[in-house]
Amino acid sequence: MLEEYIESRISEAYDYLQNDTEKALRIFDEILEIEPDNIEALNGKGSSLMKLNRLDEADKYYNHSLSICENSSALLNKGIIFKRKRDFENALIFYDKASQINPDLESIVDILKNELIYANNKRDMSDYSYEANKMIVQGIEFKKEDKLLDAMDAFKKAIECDMRCEDEVNGMIDEIKCIITNEFIYDDRQFDAESKIDRLKMQALRALTEENYPDKALRLMDLVLRLDETDIDMVNHKGGALFICNEYENAIECFDKCISMDKNYSYAIFNKALVLRTMNKLPEALECFDEVLKIPENHNKVKAYRLEILKKIHEDAKTD
């Protein structure tokens, strides 16, 4: 009975991790009071502390996790901590260890390694054209200012200017996509650990949020949706996983399916807007953001995106 309770609480904490990190942290603390060596809870607390930018504390929990059992989740996140501290050599070591333990993480590790290349300025940008370099520098500046979508546009223009920078710049775009993915919103939900389908849902969401393995998450989500194709929350999560996999049109189909089931389902409307903006479909994205804005509590989350799009549309109109 206790084991089922702990499993259920861990799943609940991971659900809160994206939208209410402090609450997730409290749940992980509660679990660790009962089981101080629970690896999932230790890694979950580490992830919560990372989102709160408490890197040194997070590192201690990953170290504790690894002292119990070497696991890819703790190794990967330690690599990310070292990267954020600009210790690129150690970041690379931990990325490689994570990939060796779990070969399914190879594509994620490749993206993270690309980030190290740019962060460490290992590539001589003089190899590229003046216009491409200009766009890359502009994109980096936009990213520093948290203008992520403008940064992505600048990086795409750099590739158009000089295809030789494609591999490097795609790594920068993937990094921004990871940040945008964290902006996606999902409904907080409770799971019944005794229910087979709920356990399957927990596995799917864990593959997406903890293991950073969207392909595995999609396979599990499809199994859930075969049993209940009207599970609106799972369809919304599937859209997020498809976005990570660069399947933008399929992601939008998922969000549209959610909206067809519930026209006021703001989670999917907001997520659809993020994908449309990433695809540079500005009027369509603005329409979705305006729809979400009808709910007052969404104002702060939507306002910045909406203003950015309006500015972008105005600038494009002047250019034309």
Protein backbone atom coordinates (compact mmCIF):
# COMPACT_ATOMS: atom_id res chain seq x y z
CA MET A 1 0.00 0.00 0.00
CA LEU A 2 2.80 2.42 0.90
CA GLU A 3 4.62 1.64 -2.34
CA GLU A 4 1.52 2.48 -4.38
CA TYR A 5 1.01 5.71 -2.43
CA ILE A 6 4.61 6.81 -3.07
CA GLU A 7 4.37 5.95 -6.76
CA SER A 8 1.17 7.99 -7.03
CA ARG A 9 2.70 11.00 -5.22
CA ILE A 10 5.82 10.93 -7.39
CA SER A 11 3.67 10.98 -10.50
CA GLU A 12 1.65 13.87 -9.05
CA ALA A 13 4.85 15.81 -8.31
CA TYR A 14 6.09 15.39 -11.87
CA ASP A 15 2.74 16.70 -13.13
CA TYR A 16 3.26 19.86 -11.07
CA LEU A 17 6.92 20.23 -12.08
CA GLN A 18 6.24 22.38 -15.17
CA ASN A 19 3.48 24.65 -13.88
CA ASP A 20 3.90 24.74 -10.08
CA THR A 21 7.52 23.90 -9.24
CA GLU A 22 7.25 24.87 -5.57
CA LYS A 23 4.37 22.43 -5.06
CA ALA A 24 6.31 19.68 -6.83
CA LEU A 25 9.25 20.38 -4.53
CA ARG A 26 7.06 20.03 -1.43
CA ILE A 27 5.73 16.67 -2.62
CA PHE A 28 9.24 15.36 -3.35
CA ASP A 29 10.29 16.48 0.15
CA GLU A 30 7.36 14.59 1.63
CA ILE A 31 8.39 11.41 -0.22
CA LEU A 32 12.02 11.77 0.84
CA GLU A 33 10.92 12.03 4.47
CA ILE A 34 9.44 8.55 4.05
CA GLU A 35 12.10 7.09 1.71
CA PRO A 36 15.33 9.15 1.80
CA ASP A 37 16.93 6.94 -0.89
CA ASN A 38 14.08 6.98 -3.41
CA ILE A 39 15.92 7.64 -6.68
CA GLU A 40 12.92 9.01 -8.56
CA ALA A 41 12.17 11.46 -5.75
CA LEU A 42 15.83 12.50 -5.48
CA ASN A 43 16.01 13.16 -9.22
CA GLY A 44 12.64 14.90 -9.11
CA LYS A 45 13.78 17.19 -6.33
CA GLY A 46 16.96 17.89 -8.30
CA SER A 47 14.86 18.83 -11.35
CA SER A 48 12.66 21.11 -9.23
CA LEU A 49 15.69 22.88 -7.78
CA MET A 50 17.16 23.32 -11.28
CA LYS A 51 13.97 25.01 -12.48
CA LEU A 52 14.31 27.36 -9.49
CA ASN A 53 17.95 27.99 -10.49
CA ARG A 54 19.27 26.48 -7.24
CA LEU A 55 21.97 24.54 -9.06
CA ASP A 56 24.30 23.68 -6.17
CA GLU A 57 21.42 22.20 -4.16
CA ALA A 58 20.19 20.27 -7.20
CA ASP A 59 23.68 18.86 -7.76
CA LYS A 60 23.72 17.42 -4.21
CA TYR A 61 20.53 15.49 -4.84
CA TYR A 62 21.78 14.09 -8.13
CA ASN A 63 24.99 13.03 -6.36
CA HIS A 64 22.91 11.27 -3.71
CA SER A 65 20.91 9.55 -6.45
CA LEU A 66 24.10 8.38 -8.18
CA SER A 67 25.57 7.12 -4.90
CA ILE A 68 22.64 4.70 -4.69
CA CYS A 69 22.56 3.62 -8.33
CA GLU A 70 24.14 5.00 -11.49
CA ASN A 71 21.22 6.27 -13.58
CA SER A 72 20.96 8.25 -16.82
CA SER A 73 18.54 10.87 -15.49
CA ALA A 74 20.91 12.09 -12.77
CA LEU A 75 23.92 11.93 -15.10
CA LEU A 76 22.18 13.93 -17.83
CA ASN A 77 21.04 16.61 -15.41
CA LYS A 78 24.47 16.89 -13.83
CA GLY A 79 25.79 17.52 -17.32
CA ILE A 80 23.25 20.32 -17.76
CA ILE A 81 24.29 21.84 -14.42
CA PHE A 82 27.95 21.83 -15.47
CA LYS A 83 26.98 23.39 -18.80
CA ARG A 84 25.09 26.19 -17.05
CA LYS A 85 28.16 26.75 -14.89
CA ARG A 86 30.24 26.87 -18.09
CA ASP A 87 32.29 23.81 -17.07
CA PHE A 88 31.99 22.30 -20.54
CA GLU A 89 34.56 19.54 -20.06
CA ASN A 90 32.68 17.96 -17.16
CA ALA A 91 29.33 18.54 -18.89
CA LEU A 92 30.54 16.47 -21.83
CA ILE A 93 31.74 13.67 -19.53
CA PHE A 94 28.32 13.34 -17.87
CA TYR A 95 26.44 13.53 -21.19
CA ASP A 96 28.54 10.64 -22.51
CA LYS A 97 27.96 8.58 -19.36
CA ALA A 98 24.19 9.11 -19.61
CA SER A 99 24.19 8.03 -23.26
CA GLN A 100 26.24 4.91 -22.47
CA ILE A 101 23.77 3.82 -19.80
CA ASN A 102 20.71 4.65 -21.89
CA PRO A 103 21.35 4.58 -25.67
CA ASP A 104 17.79 5.88 -26.21
CA LEU A 105 19.05 9.27 -25.01
CA GLU A 106 21.54 9.54 -27.87
CA SER A 107 19.53 12.11 -29.86
CA ILE A 108 18.99 14.28 -26.77
CA VAL A 109 22.69 14.04 -25.89
CA ASP A 110 23.65 15.07 -29.43
CA ILE A 111 21.58 18.25 -29.05
CA LEU A 112 23.16 19.00 -25.68
CA LYS A 113 26.64 18.44 -27.08
CA ASN A 114 25.89 20.89 -29.89
CA GLU A 115 24.97 23.48 -27.28
CA LEU A 116 28.40 23.04 -25.71
CA ILE A 117 30.09 23.76 -29.03
CA TYR A 118 28.43 27.15 -29.35
CA ALA A 119 28.72 28.04 -25.69
CA ASN A 120 32.43 27.28 -25.78
CA ASN A 121 32.93 29.20 -29.04
CA LYS A 122 34.81 26.27 -30.56
CA ARG A 123 33.73 27.10 -34.08
CA ASP A 124 35.44 29.89 -36.00
CA MET A 125 32.52 31.91 -37.33
CA SER A 126 34.78 33.55 -39.90
CA ASP A 127 34.07 30.42 -41.97
CA TYR A 128 30.60 31.84 -42.62
CA SER A 129 29.39 34.80 -44.64
CA TYR A 130 29.11 38.26 -43.10
CA GLU A 131 25.29 38.17 -43.24
CA ALA A 132 25.13 34.73 -41.61
CA ASN A 133 27.44 35.83 -38.80
CA LYS A 134 25.36 38.96 -38.34
CA MET A 135 22.18 36.88 -37.95
CA ILE A 136 23.88 34.44 -35.54
CA VAL A 137 25.09 37.28 -33.32
CA GLN A 138 21.64 38.88 -33.46
CA GLY A 139 20.02 35.57 -32.52
CA ILE A 140 22.35 35.15 -29.55
CA GLU A 141 21.50 38.67 -28.36
CA PHE A 142 17.77 38.02 -28.72
CA LYS A 143 18.17 34.83 -26.69
CA LYS A 144 19.96 36.71 -23.90
CA GLU A 145 17.01 39.12 -23.82
CA ASP A 146 14.56 36.17 -23.62
CA LYS A 147 13.17 37.07 -27.06
CA LEU A 148 13.23 33.41 -27.95
CA LEU A 149 11.02 33.45 -31.00
CA ASP A 150 12.92 36.39 -32.50
CA ALA A 151 16.13 34.49 -31.79
CA MET A 152 14.82 31.46 -33.65
CA ASP A 153 13.89 33.64 -36.63
CA ALA A 154 17.39 35.14 -36.70
CA PHE A 155 19.02 31.70 -36.61
CA LYS A 156 16.81 30.47 -39.46
CA LYS A 157 17.82 33.52 -41.52
CA ALA A 158 21.48 32.71 -40.82
CA ILE A 159 21.01 29.30 -42.43
CA GLU A 160 19.31 30.93 -45.42
CA CYS A 161 22.30 33.25 -45.78
CA ASP A 162 24.92 30.48 -45.59
CA MET A 163 24.06 26.75 -45.55
CA ARG A 164 27.52 25.96 -44.17
CA CYS A 165 26.36 27.07 -40.72
CA GLU A 166 23.31 24.78 -40.76
CA ASP A 167 24.57 22.10 -38.34
CA GLU A 168 25.83 24.61 -35.80
CA VAL A 169 22.82 26.89 -35.97
CA ASN A 170 20.32 24.01 -35.82
CA GLY A 171 21.82 23.18 -32.44
CA MET A 172 21.04 26.73 -31.29
CA ILE A 173 17.49 26.38 -32.62
CA ASP A 174 17.06 23.06 -30.78
CA GLU A 175 18.15 24.73 -27.55
CA ILE A 176 15.48 27.41 -27.99
CA LYS A 177 12.91 24.74 -28.80
CA CYS A 178 13.69 23.04 -25.49
CA ILE A 179 13.02 26.33 -23.69
CA ILE A 180 9.76 26.88 -25.63
CA THR A 181 8.68 23.33 -24.81
CA ASN A 182 8.93 24.21 -21.12
CA GLU A 183 6.40 26.99 -21.78
CA PHE A 184 3.73 24.51 -22.89
CA ILE A 185 0.90 24.20 -20.37
CA TYR A 186 -0.99 21.11 -19.28
CA ASP A 187 -3.84 20.41 -16.92
CA ASP A 188 -2.81 19.26 -13.46
CA ARG A 189 -4.23 15.81 -12.94
CA GLN A 190 -4.44 13.08 -10.34
CA PHE A 191 -3.75 9.44 -11.15
CA ASP A 192 -5.01 6.25 -9.57
CA ALA A 193 -1.99 4.00 -9.02
CA GLU A 194 -4.29 0.97 -8.99
CA SER A 195 -5.64 1.71 -12.46
CA LYS A 196 -3.76 0.05 -15.33
CA ILE A 197 -4.51 2.86 -17.77
CA ASP A 198 -3.45 5.50 -15.23
CA ARG A 199 -0.17 3.67 -14.67
CA LEU A 200 0.34 3.73 -18.45
CA LYS A 201 -0.34 7.47 -18.48
CA MET A 202 2.20 7.98 -15.69
CA GLN A 203 4.81 6.07 -17.67
CA ALA A 204 4.12 8.19 -20.75
CA LEU A 205 4.43 11.50 -18.91
CA ARG A 206 7.53 10.31 -17.08
CA ALA A 207 9.16 9.42 -20.40
CA LEU A 208 8.39 12.95 -21.59
CA THR A 209 9.28 15.02 -18.51
CA GLU A 210 11.85 12.98 -16.59
CA GLU A 211 13.57 10.81 -19.19
CA ASN A 212 13.48 13.42 -22.00
CA TYR A 213 12.53 10.65 -24.42
CA PRO A 214 9.63 11.91 -26.58
CA ASP A 215 9.61 8.91 -28.97
CA LYS A 216 8.98 6.53 -26.08
CA ALA A 217 6.37 8.94 -24.66
CA LEU A 218 4.53 9.00 -28.00
CA ARG A 219 4.38 5.20 -28.17
CA LEU A 220 2.90 5.04 -24.68
CA MET A 221 0.48 7.89 -25.40
CA ASP A 222 -0.78 6.09 -28.48
CA LEU A 223 -1.47 3.03 -26.35
CA VAL A 224 -3.47 5.17 -23.92
CA LEU A 225 -5.41 6.82 -26.73
CA ARG A 226 -6.29 3.47 -28.29
CA LEU A 227 -8.06 2.68 -25.03
CA ASP A 228 -9.66 6.12 -24.75
CA GLU A 229 -9.32 8.46 -27.73
CA THR A 230 -11.28 11.18 -25.87
CA ASP A 231 -8.63 11.63 -23.15
CA ILE A 232 -8.18 15.35 -23.83
CA ASP A 233 -5.21 15.79 -21.49
CA MET A 234 -3.29 12.95 -23.11
CA VAL A 235 -4.00 14.35 -26.60
CA ASN A 236 -2.65 17.71 -25.40
CA HIS A 237 0.51 16.05 -24.07
CA LYS A 238 0.89 14.18 -27.34
CA GLY A 239 0.87 17.51 -29.17
CA GLY A 240 3.73 18.68 -26.96
CA ALA A 241 5.72 15.52 -27.64
CA LEU A 242 5.19 15.89 -31.40
CA PHE A 243 6.46 19.47 -31.24
CA ILE A 244 9.68 18.23 -29.63
CA CYS A 245 10.00 15.76 -32.51
CA ASN A 246 9.65 18.62 -35.06
CA GLU A 247 6.27 17.29 -36.22
CA TYR A 248 4.60 20.70 -36.10
CA GLU A 249 1.58 19.97 -38.29
CA ASN A 250 0.80 16.77 -36.37
CA ALA A 251 1.16 18.68 -33.10
CA ILE A 252 -1.39 21.24 -34.29
CA GLU A 253 -3.76 18.39 -35.29
CA CYS A 254 -3.60 17.15 -31.68
CA PHE A 255 -4.32 20.59 -30.25
CA ASP A 256 -7.18 21.05 -32.73
CA LYS A 257 -8.61 17.70 -31.63
CA CYS A 258 -8.55 18.94 -28.02
CA ILE A 259 -10.33 22.15 -29.04
CA SER A 260 -12.96 20.17 -30.97
CA MET A 261 -13.67 18.26 -27.76
CA ASP A 262 -13.74 21.42 -25.62
CA LYS A 263 -13.63 24.81 -27.35
CA ASN A 264 -12.60 26.47 -24.05
CA TYR A 265 -9.68 24.12 -23.38
CA SER A 266 -7.12 26.92 -23.01
CA TYR A 267 -4.15 24.57 -22.52
CA ALA A 268 -4.34 23.33 -26.10
CA ILE A 269 -5.18 26.77 -27.52
CA PHE A 270 -2.08 28.27 -25.89
CA ASN A 271 0.14 25.38 -26.97
CA LYS A 272 -1.19 25.62 -30.52
CA ALA A 273 -0.31 29.33 -30.51
CA LEU A 274 3.30 28.53 -29.54
CA VAL A 275 3.63 26.05 -32.41
CA LEU A 276 2.06 28.45 -34.92
CA ARG A 277 4.44 31.20 -33.80
CA THR A 278 7.38 28.83 -34.17
CA MET A 279 6.17 28.17 -37.74
CA ASN A 280 6.00 31.97 -38.29
CA LYS A 281 2.22 31.81 -38.82
CA LEU A 282 1.74 35.06 -36.96
CA PRO A 283 -1.94 35.98 -37.57
CA GLU A 284 -3.07 32.45 -36.67
CA ALA A 285 -0.91 32.47 -33.53
CA LEU A 286 -2.26 35.89 -32.52
CA GLU A 287 -5.83 34.64 -32.91
CA CYS A 288 -5.10 31.76 -30.52
CA PHE A 289 -3.38 33.99 -27.97
CA ASP A 290 -6.35 36.39 -28.08
CA GLU A 291 -8.66 33.46 -27.38
CA VAL A 292 -6.61 32.42 -24.34
CA LEU A 293 -6.51 36.04 -23.17
CA LYS A 294 -10.28 35.89 -22.55
CA ILE A 295 -9.45 34.03 -19.33
CA PRO A 296 -8.06 36.67 -16.89
CA GLU A 297 -5.61 34.38 -15.09
CA ASN A 298 -3.80 33.75 -18.38
CA HIS A 299 -3.06 37.44 -18.96
CA ASN A 300 0.53 37.51 -17.69
CA LYS A 301 1.52 34.37 -19.57
CA VAL A 302 0.02 35.52 -22.87
CA LYS A 303 0.78 39.24 -22.85
CA ALA A 304 4.47 39.05 -23.77
CA TYR A 305 3.86 36.67 -26.67
CA ARG A 306 0.99 38.75 -27.97
CA LEU A 307 2.98 42.00 -27.89
CA GLU A 308 5.90 40.31 -29.63
CA ILE A 309 3.68 39.09 -32.46
CA LEU A 310 1.99 42.48 -32.90
CA LYS A 311 5.40 44.14 -33.12
CA LYS A 312 6.59 41.52 -35.60
CA ILE A 313 3.50 41.92 -37.81
CA HIS A 314 3.99 45.71 -37.76
CA GLU A 315 7.67 45.38 -38.73
CA ASP A 316 6.85 42.94 -41.53
CA ALA A 317 4.18 45.32 -42.86
CA LYS A 318 6.70 48.17 -42.99
CA THR A 319 9.20 45.96 -44.82
CA ASP A 320 6.59 45.05 -47.42
